[in-house]
Amino acid sequence: MKFKDAIVYKNERFSVGVEEEAGKYYLSIPVSNNLVDYEEYYDINKEEFDRFSSSVEDAAEFVQQCRSRQRDDRLMVRPGNDRGTAI
């Protein structure tokens, strides 16, 4: 998988972009476990990508749901046994 961020919202700690090999859109959040900091990537559609790209406020609820693991059904890469927590 080749993830390419289109927009990074540093203060809000998330980004939106395109997974280039499959052409799928994503929203990512940083997470951390005992060993490493990494990102979790959540599948979003083109409409969500456009909306989240233009408005932090529109993305806020979805980002919070990802951080609280309510959108795990949309994870593009399943986490391992030592899943991190959102940072």
PDB file of N, CA and C in Angstrom:
ATOM      1  N   MET A   1       0.846  -1.184   0.000  1.00  0.00           N
ATOM      2  CA  MET A   1       0.000   0.000   0.000  1.00  0.00           C
ATOM      3  C   MET A   1       0.885   1.238   0.000  1.00  0.00           C
ATOM      4  N   LYS A   2       0.425   2.224  -0.715  1.00  0.00           N
ATOM      5  CA  LYS A   2       1.179   3.467  -0.852  1.00  0.00           C
ATOM      6  C   LYS A   2       0.263   4.634  -0.498  1.00  0.00           C
ATOM      7  N   PHE A   3       0.369   5.109   0.743  1.00  0.00           N
ATOM      8  CA  PHE A   3      -0.486   6.189   1.230  1.00  0.00           C
ATOM      9  C   PHE A   3       0.150   7.542   0.935  1.00  0.00           C
ATOM     10  N   LYS A   4      -0.631   8.428   0.340  1.00  0.00           N
ATOM     11  CA  LYS A   4      -0.146   9.775   0.031  1.00  0.00           C
ATOM     12  C   LYS A   4      -1.134  10.791   0.595  1.00  0.00           C
ATOM     13  N   ASP A   5      -0.668  11.539   1.594  1.00  0.00           N
ATOM     14  CA  ASP A   5      -1.508  12.566   2.209  1.00  0.00           C
ATOM     15  C   ASP A   5      -1.781  13.689   1.226  1.00  0.00           C
ATOM     16  N   ALA A   6      -3.031  14.113   1.154  1.00  0.00           N
ATOM     17  CA  ALA A   6      -3.410  15.272   0.353  1.00  0.00           C
ATOM     18  C   ALA A   6      -3.417  16.516   1.240  1.00  0.00           C
ATOM     19  N   ILE A   7      -3.960  16.362   2.442  1.00  0.00           N
ATOM     20  CA  ILE A   7      -4.023  17.467   3.408  1.00  0.00           C
ATOM     21  C   ILE A   7      -3.702  16.914   4.794  1.00  0.00           C
ATOM     22  N   VAL A   8      -2.834  17.628   5.503  1.00  0.00           N
ATOM     23  CA  VAL A   8      -2.489  17.270   6.878  1.00  0.00           C
ATOM     24  C   VAL A   8      -2.978  18.384   7.788  1.00  0.00           C
ATOM     25  N   TYR A   9      -3.800  18.010   8.745  1.00  0.00           N
ATOM     26  CA  TYR A   9      -4.284  18.955   9.753  1.00  0.00           C
ATOM     27  C   TYR A   9      -3.465  18.725  11.019  1.00  0.00           C
ATOM     28  N   LYS A  10      -2.351  19.437  11.144  1.00  0.00           N
ATOM     29  CA  LYS A  10      -1.420  19.214  12.258  1.00  0.00           C
ATOM     30  C   LYS A  10      -2.062  19.473  13.620  1.00  0.00           C
ATOM     31  N   ASN A  11      -2.740  20.588  13.763  1.00  0.00           N
ATOM     32  CA  ASN A  11      -3.326  20.928  15.059  1.00  0.00           C
ATOM     33  C   ASN A  11      -4.399  19.941  15.488  1.00  0.00           C
ATOM     34  N   GLU A  12      -5.145  19.407  14.528  1.00  0.00           N
ATOM     35  CA  GLU A  12      -6.231  18.473  14.825  1.00  0.00           C
ATOM     36  C   GLU A  12      -5.756  17.023  14.808  1.00  0.00           C
ATOM     37  N   ARG A  13      -4.507  16.798  14.356  1.00  0.00           N
ATOM     38  CA  ARG A  13      -3.846  15.490  14.337  1.00  0.00           C
ATOM     39  C   ARG A  13      -4.593  14.454  13.490  1.00  0.00           C
ATOM     40  N   PHE A  14      -4.851  14.800  12.230  1.00  0.00           N
ATOM     41  CA  PHE A  14      -5.349  13.823  11.270  1.00  0.00           C
ATOM     42  C   PHE A  14      -5.001  14.292   9.873  1.00  0.00           C
ATOM     43  N   SER A  15      -5.097  13.386   8.918  1.00  0.00           N
ATOM     44  CA  SER A  15      -4.868  13.742   7.520  1.00  0.00           C
ATOM     45  C   SER A  15      -5.839  12.979   6.637  1.00  0.00           C
ATOM     46  N   VAL A  16      -5.998  13.470   5.422  1.00  0.00           N
ATOM     47  CA  VAL A  16      -6.794  12.786   4.408  1.00  0.00           C
ATOM     48  C   VAL A  16      -5.915  12.641   3.171  1.00  0.00           C
ATOM     49  N   GLY A  17      -6.132  11.558   2.440  1.00  0.00           N
ATOM     50  CA  GLY A  17      -5.318  11.335   1.260  1.00  0.00           C
ATOM     51  C   GLY A  17      -5.844  10.197   0.422  1.00  0.00           C
ATOM     52  N   VAL A  18      -4.956   9.697  -0.451  1.00  0.00           N
ATOM     53  CA  VAL A  18      -5.307   8.634  -1.390  1.00  0.00           C
ATOM     54  C   VAL A  18      -4.290   7.514  -1.265  1.00  0.00           C
ATOM     55  N   GLU A  19      -4.784   6.286  -1.185  1.00  0.00           N
ATOM     56  CA  GLU A  19      -3.920   5.120  -1.262  1.00  0.00           C
ATOM     57  C   GLU A  19      -3.728   4.889  -2.759  1.00  0.00           C
ATOM     58  N   GLU A  20      -2.524   5.149  -3.246  1.00  0.00           N
ATOM     59  CA  GLU A  20      -2.283   5.254  -4.679  1.00  0.00           C
ATOM     60  C   GLU A  20      -2.437   3.946  -5.453  1.00  0.00           C
ATOM     61  N   GLU A  21      -2.117   2.818  -4.873  1.00  0.00           N
ATOM     62  CA  GLU A  21      -2.191   1.553  -5.607  1.00  0.00           C
ATOM     63  C   GLU A  21      -3.629   1.149  -5.913  1.00  0.00           C
ATOM     64  N   ALA A  22      -4.529   1.360  -4.950  1.00  0.00           N
ATOM     65  CA  ALA A  22      -5.934   0.973  -5.136  1.00  0.00           C
ATOM     66  C   ALA A  22      -6.819   2.157  -5.509  1.00  0.00           C
ATOM     67  N   GLY A  23      -6.300   3.368  -5.349  1.00  0.00           N
ATOM     68  CA  GLY A  23      -7.095   4.553  -5.642  1.00  0.00           C
ATOM     69  C   GLY A  23      -8.177   4.818  -4.621  1.00  0.00           C
ATOM     70  N   LYS A  24      -8.007   4.302  -3.405  1.00  0.00           N
ATOM     71  CA  LYS A  24      -8.992   4.514  -2.345  1.00  0.00           C
ATOM     72  C   LYS A  24      -8.624   5.742  -1.514  1.00  0.00           C
ATOM     73  N   TYR A  25      -9.646   6.391  -0.997  1.00  0.00           N
ATOM     74  CA  TYR A  25      -9.470   7.552  -0.141  1.00  0.00           C
ATOM     75  C   TYR A  25      -9.390   7.108   1.317  1.00  0.00           C
ATOM     76  N   TYR A  26      -8.664   7.891   2.126  1.00  0.00           N
ATOM     77  CA  TYR A  26      -8.536   7.539   3.537  1.00  0.00           C
ATOM     78  C   TYR A  26      -8.486   8.783   4.413  1.00  0.00           C
ATOM     79  N   LEU A  27      -8.745   8.554   5.679  1.00  0.00           N
ATOM     80  CA  LEU A  27      -8.489   9.504   6.746  1.00  0.00           C
ATOM     81  C   LEU A  27      -7.568   8.763   7.706  1.00  0.00           C
ATOM     82  N   SER A  28      -6.502   9.394   8.163  1.00  0.00           N
ATOM     83  CA  SER A  28      -5.582   8.724   9.082  1.00  0.00           C
ATOM     84  C   SER A  28      -5.426   9.520  10.364  1.00  0.00           C
ATOM     85  N   ILE A  29      -5.177   8.783  11.445  1.00  0.00           N
ATOM     86  CA  ILE A  29      -4.922   9.387  12.749  1.00  0.00           C
ATOM     87  C   ILE A  29      -3.647   8.770  13.316  1.00  0.00           C
ATOM     88  N   PRO A  30      -2.876   9.538  14.095  1.00  0.00           N
ATOM     89  CA  PRO A  30      -1.689   8.971  14.731  1.00  0.00           C
ATOM     90  C   PRO A  30      -2.083   8.150  15.960  1.00  0.00           C
ATOM     91  N   VAL A  31      -1.374   7.046  16.149  1.00  0.00           N
ATOM     92  CA  VAL A  31      -1.553   6.204  17.326  1.00  0.00           C
ATOM     93  C   VAL A  31      -0.178   5.813  17.847  1.00  0.00           C
ATOM     94  N   SER A  32      -0.143   5.325  19.073  1.00  0.00           N
ATOM     95  CA  SER A  32       1.121   4.964  19.691  1.00  0.00           C
ATOM     96  C   SER A  32       0.925   3.738  20.569  1.00  0.00           C
ATOM     97  N   ASN A  33       1.883   2.808  20.511  1.00  0.00           N
ATOM     98  CA  ASN A  33       1.901   1.702  21.464  1.00  0.00           C
ATOM     99  C   ASN A  33       3.214   1.763  22.225  1.00  0.00           C
ATOM    100  N   ASN A  34       3.571   0.712  22.949  1.00  0.00           N
ATOM    101  CA  ASN A  34       4.783   0.725  23.775  1.00  0.00           C
ATOM    102  C   ASN A  34       6.069   0.803  22.960  1.00  0.00           C
ATOM    103  N   LEU A  35       5.999   0.432  21.685  1.00  0.00           N
ATOM    104  CA  LEU A  35       7.214   0.359  20.869  1.00  0.00           C
ATOM    105  C   LEU A  35       7.344   1.441  19.809  1.00  0.00           C
ATOM    106  N   VAL A  36       6.228   1.887  19.255  1.00  0.00           N
ATOM    107  CA  VAL A  36       6.312   2.735  18.068  1.00  0.00           C
ATOM    108  C   VAL A  36       5.087   3.644  17.931  1.00  0.00           C
ATOM    109  N   ASP A  37       5.295   4.773  17.284  1.00  0.00           N
ATOM    110  CA  ASP A  37       4.198   5.629  16.859  1.00  0.00           C
ATOM    111  C   ASP A  37       3.897   5.282  15.408  1.00  0.00           C
ATOM    112  N   TYR A  38       2.630   5.223  15.050  1.00  0.00           N
ATOM    113  CA  TYR A  38       2.254   4.891  13.671  1.00  0.00           C
ATOM    114  C   TYR A  38       0.900   5.506  13.359  1.00  0.00           C
ATOM    115  N   GLU A  39       0.406   5.287  12.152  1.00  0.00           N
ATOM    116  CA  GLU A  39      -0.896   5.815  11.752  1.00  0.00           C
ATOM    117  C   GLU A  39      -1.873   4.674  11.487  1.00  0.00           C
ATOM    118  N   GLU A  40      -3.130   4.930  11.803  1.00  0.00           N
ATOM    119  CA  GLU A  40      -4.207   4.034  11.393  1.00  0.00           C
ATOM    120  C   GLU A  40      -4.941   4.718  10.249  1.00  0.00           C
ATOM    121  N   TYR A  41      -5.265   3.934   9.219  1.00  0.00           N
ATOM    122  CA  TYR A  41      -5.895   4.454   8.014  1.00  0.00           C
ATOM    123  C   TYR A  41      -7.317   3.929   7.914  1.00  0.00           C
ATOM    124  N   TYR A  42      -8.260   4.844   7.736  1.00  0.00           N
ATOM    125  CA  TYR A  42      -9.676   4.522   7.660  1.00  0.00           C
ATOM    126  C   TYR A  42     -10.197   4.823   6.263  1.00  0.00           C
ATOM    127  N   ASP A  43     -10.871   3.856   5.673  1.00  0.00           N
ATOM    128  CA  ASP A  43     -11.441   3.975   4.338  1.00  0.00           C
ATOM    129  C   ASP A  43     -12.580   4.996   4.349  1.00  0.00           C
ATOM    130  N   ILE A  44     -12.503   5.978   3.449  1.00  0.00           N
ATOM    131  CA  ILE A  44     -13.593   6.937   3.265  1.00  0.00           C
ATOM    132  C   ILE A  44     -13.921   6.992   1.773  1.00  0.00           C
ATOM    133  N   ASN A  45     -15.117   7.445   1.451  1.00  0.00           N
ATOM    134  CA  ASN A  45     -15.484   7.546   0.039  1.00  0.00           C
ATOM    135  C   ASN A  45     -15.116   8.931  -0.496  1.00  0.00           C
ATOM    136  N   LYS A  46     -15.305   9.134  -1.787  1.00  0.00           N
ATOM    137  CA  LYS A  46     -14.930  10.393  -2.446  1.00  0.00           C
ATOM    138  C   LYS A  46     -15.693  11.576  -1.864  1.00  0.00           C
ATOM    139  N   GLU A  47     -16.954  11.381  -1.580  1.00  0.00           N
ATOM    140  CA  GLU A  47     -17.767  12.452  -0.998  1.00  0.00           C
ATOM    141  C   GLU A  47     -17.219  12.869   0.369  1.00  0.00           C
ATOM    142  N   GLU A  48     -16.879  11.894   1.212  1.00  0.00           N
ATOM    143  CA  GLU A  48     -16.306  12.201   2.521  1.00  0.00           C
ATOM    144  C   GLU A  48     -14.940  12.870   2.360  1.00  0.00           C
ATOM    145  N   PHE A  49     -14.135  12.372   1.432  1.00  0.00           N
ATOM    146  CA  PHE A  49     -12.831  12.967   1.168  1.00  0.00           C
ATOM    147  C   PHE A  49     -12.980  14.446   0.822  1.00  0.00           C
ATOM    148  N   ASP A  50     -13.874  14.762  -0.093  1.00  0.00           N
ATOM    149  CA  ASP A  50     -14.092  16.156  -0.489  1.00  0.00           C
ATOM    150  C   ASP A  50     -14.558  17.001   0.687  1.00  0.00           C
ATOM    151  N   ARG A  51     -15.480  16.472   1.462  1.00  0.00           N
ATOM    152  CA  ARG A  51     -16.028  17.212   2.610  1.00  0.00           C
ATOM    153  C   ARG A  51     -14.961  17.409   3.691  1.00  0.00           C
ATOM    154  N   PHE A  52     -14.228  16.340   4.031  1.00  0.00           N
ATOM    155  CA  PHE A  52     -13.212  16.427   5.079  1.00  0.00           C
ATOM    156  C   PHE A  52     -12.030  17.290   4.632  1.00  0.00           C
ATOM    157  N   SER A  53     -11.759  17.314   3.335  1.00  0.00           N
ATOM    158  CA  SER A  53     -10.655  18.124   2.808  1.00  0.00           C
ATOM    159  C   SER A  53     -10.946  19.611   2.906  1.00  0.00           C
ATOM    160  N   SER A  54     -12.198  19.965   2.853  1.00  0.00           N
ATOM    161  CA  SER A  54     -12.543  21.382   2.846  1.00  0.00           C
ATOM    162  C   SER A  54     -13.008  21.908   4.196  1.00  0.00           C
ATOM    163  N   SER A  55     -13.258  21.015   5.161  1.00  0.00           N
ATOM    164  CA  SER A  55     -13.793  21.483   6.441  1.00  0.00           C
ATOM    165  C   SER A  55     -13.366  20.583   7.600  1.00  0.00           C
ATOM    166  N   VAL A  56     -12.548  21.143   8.470  1.00  0.00           N
ATOM    167  CA  VAL A  56     -12.155  20.423   9.680  1.00  0.00           C
ATOM    168  C   VAL A  56     -13.382  20.094  10.520  1.00  0.00           C
ATOM    169  N   GLU A  57     -14.320  21.012  10.571  1.00  0.00           N
ATOM    170  CA  GLU A  57     -15.526  20.809  11.369  1.00  0.00           C
ATOM    171  C   GLU A  57     -16.326  19.602  10.879  1.00  0.00           C
ATOM    172  N   ASP A  58     -16.384  19.423   9.569  1.00  0.00           N
ATOM    173  CA  ASP A  58     -17.114  18.269   9.017  1.00  0.00           C
ATOM    174  C   ASP A  58     -16.423  16.954   9.354  1.00  0.00           C
ATOM    175  N   ALA A  59     -15.110  16.986   9.506  1.00  0.00           N
ATOM    176  CA  ALA A  59     -14.354  15.768   9.804  1.00  0.00           C
ATOM    177  C   ALA A  59     -14.321  15.441  11.291  1.00  0.00           C
ATOM    178  N   ALA A  60     -14.574  16.405  12.144  1.00  0.00           N
ATOM    179  CA  ALA A  60     -14.365  16.256  13.587  1.00  0.00           C
ATOM    180  C   ALA A  60     -15.085  15.049  14.190  1.00  0.00           C
ATOM    181  N   GLU A  61     -16.338  14.850  13.840  1.00  0.00           N
ATOM    182  CA  GLU A  61     -17.094  13.728  14.419  1.00  0.00           C
ATOM    183  C   GLU A  61     -16.505  12.391  13.968  1.00  0.00           C
ATOM    184  N   PHE A  62     -16.192  12.270  12.690  1.00  0.00           N
ATOM    185  CA  PHE A  62     -15.622  11.030  12.181  1.00  0.00           C
ATOM    186  C   PHE A  62     -14.261  10.755  12.832  1.00  0.00           C
ATOM    187  N   VAL A  63     -13.433  11.778  12.968  1.00  0.00           N
ATOM    188  CA  VAL A  63     -12.127  11.632  13.608  1.00  0.00           C
ATOM    189  C   VAL A  63     -12.298  11.139  15.038  1.00  0.00           C
ATOM    190  N   GLN A  64     -13.221  11.731  15.777  1.00  0.00           N
ATOM    191  CA  GLN A  64     -13.456  11.305  17.164  1.00  0.00           C
ATOM    192  C   GLN A  64     -13.929   9.860  17.220  1.00  0.00           C
ATOM    193  N   GLN A  65     -14.780   9.456  16.305  1.00  0.00           N
ATOM    194  CA  GLN A  65     -15.244   8.067  16.255  1.00  0.00           C
ATOM    195  C   GLN A  65     -14.081   7.123  15.970  1.00  0.00           C
ATOM    196  N   CYS A  66     -13.163   7.525  15.109  1.00  0.00           N
ATOM    197  CA  CYS A  66     -11.980   6.697  14.832  1.00  0.00           C
ATOM    198  C   CYS A  66     -11.124   6.572  16.084  1.00  0.00           C
ATOM    199  N   ARG A  67     -10.905   7.673  16.769  1.00  0.00           N
ATOM    200  CA  ARG A  67     -10.079   7.658  17.983  1.00  0.00           C
ATOM    201  C   ARG A  67     -10.685   6.797  19.080  1.00  0.00           C
ATOM    202  N   SER A  68     -11.999   6.723  19.130  1.00  0.00           N
ATOM    203  CA  SER A  68     -12.656   5.903  20.156  1.00  0.00           C
ATOM    204  C   SER A  68     -13.004   4.496  19.636  1.00  0.00           C
ATOM    205  N   ARG A  69     -12.442   4.145  18.482  1.00  0.00           N
ATOM    206  CA  ARG A  69     -12.550   2.806  17.883  1.00  0.00           C
ATOM    207  C   ARG A  69     -13.974   2.426  17.472  1.00  0.00           C
ATOM    208  N   GLN A  70     -14.779   3.404  17.174  1.00  0.00           N
ATOM    209  CA  GLN A  70     -16.142   3.149  16.715  1.00  0.00           C
ATOM    210  C   GLN A  70     -16.211   2.936  15.207  1.00  0.00           C
ATOM    211  N   ARG A  71     -15.118   3.163  14.491  1.00  0.00           N
ATOM    212  CA  ARG A  71     -15.077   3.000  13.031  1.00  0.00           C
ATOM    213  C   ARG A  71     -14.085   1.928  12.603  1.00  0.00           C
ATOM    214  N   ASP A  72     -13.837   0.967  13.474  1.00  0.00           N
ATOM    215  CA  ASP A  72     -12.874  -0.087  13.154  1.00  0.00           C
ATOM    216  C   ASP A  72     -13.270  -0.898  11.922  1.00  0.00           C
ATOM    217  N   ASP A  73     -14.542  -0.908  11.584  1.00  0.00           N
ATOM    218  CA  ASP A  73     -14.979  -1.621  10.386  1.00  0.00           C
ATOM    219  C   ASP A  73     -14.411  -0.990   9.116  1.00  0.00           C
ATOM    220  N   ARG A  74     -13.884   0.218   9.225  1.00  0.00           N
ATOM    221  CA  ARG A  74     -13.325   0.906   8.065  1.00  0.00           C
ATOM    222  C   ARG A  74     -11.801   0.928   8.051  1.00  0.00           C
ATOM    223  N   LEU A  75     -11.156   0.249   9.002  1.00  0.00           N
ATOM    224  CA  LEU A  75      -9.700   0.201   9.003  1.00  0.00           C
ATOM    225  C   LEU A  75      -9.199  -0.456   7.729  1.00  0.00           C
ATOM    226  N   MET A  76      -8.225   0.152   7.092  1.00  0.00           N
ATOM    227  CA  MET A  76      -7.673  -0.378   5.854  1.00  0.00           C
ATOM    228  C   MET A  76      -6.600  -1.434   6.135  1.00  0.00           C
ATOM    229  N   VAL A  77      -5.941  -1.329   7.289  1.00  0.00           N
ATOM    230  CA  VAL A  77      -4.933  -2.289   7.719  1.00  0.00           C
ATOM    231  C   VAL A  77      -5.292  -2.693   9.140  1.00  0.00           C
ATOM    232  N   ARG A  78      -5.531  -3.968   9.329  1.00  0.00           N
ATOM    233  CA  ARG A  78      -5.901  -4.451  10.667  1.00  0.00           C
ATOM    234  C   ARG A  78      -4.726  -4.325  11.635  1.00  0.00           C
ATOM    235  N   PRO A  79      -4.977  -3.832  12.855  1.00  0.00           N
ATOM    236  CA  PRO A  79      -3.900  -3.682  13.832  1.00  0.00           C
ATOM    237  C   PRO A  79      -3.460  -5.035  14.384  1.00  0.00           C
ATOM    238  N   GLY A  80      -2.232  -5.061  14.889  1.00  0.00           N
ATOM    239  CA  GLY A  80      -1.702  -6.266  15.511  1.00  0.00           C
ATOM    240  C   GLY A  80      -2.185  -6.407  16.947  1.00  0.00           C
ATOM    241  N   ASN A  81      -1.580  -7.341  17.655  1.00  0.00           N
ATOM    242  CA  ASN A  81      -1.969  -7.614  19.041  1.00  0.00           C
ATOM    243  C   ASN A  81      -1.723  -6.445  19.976  1.00  0.00           C
ATOM    244  N   ASP A  82      -0.678  -5.670  19.714  1.00  0.00           N
ATOM    245  CA  ASP A  82      -0.324  -4.536  20.568  1.00  0.00           C
ATOM    246  C   ASP A  82      -0.826  -3.243  19.932  1.00  0.00           C
ATOM    247  N   ARG A  83      -2.130  -3.152  19.766  1.00  0.00           N
ATOM    248  CA  ARG A  83      -2.712  -1.977  19.124  1.00  0.00           C
ATOM    249  C   ARG A  83      -2.481  -0.734  19.976  1.00  0.00           C
ATOM    250  N   GLY A  84      -2.100   0.325  19.304  1.00  0.00           N
ATOM    251  CA  GLY A  84      -1.840   1.572  19.999  1.00  0.00           C
ATOM    252  C   GLY A  84      -3.111   2.322  20.345  1.00  0.00           C
ATOM    253  N   THR A  85      -2.924   3.423  21.031  1.00  0.00           N
ATOM    254  CA  THR A  85      -4.032   4.303  21.370  1.00  0.00           C
ATOM    255  C   THR A  85      -3.831   5.630  20.641  1.00  0.00           C
ATOM    256  N   ALA A  86      -4.909   6.295  20.345  1.00  0.00           N
ATOM    257  CA  ALA A  86      -4.834   7.556  19.628  1.00  0.00           C
ATOM    258  C   ALA A  86      -4.072   8.592  20.433  1.00  0.00           C
ATOM    259  N   ILE A  87      -3.258   9.373  19.735  1.00  0.00           N
ATOM    260  CA  ILE A  87      -2.475  10.428  20.418  1.00  0.00           C
ATOM    261  C   ILE A  87      -2.876  11.786  19.866  1.00  0.00           C
TER     262      ILE A  87
END
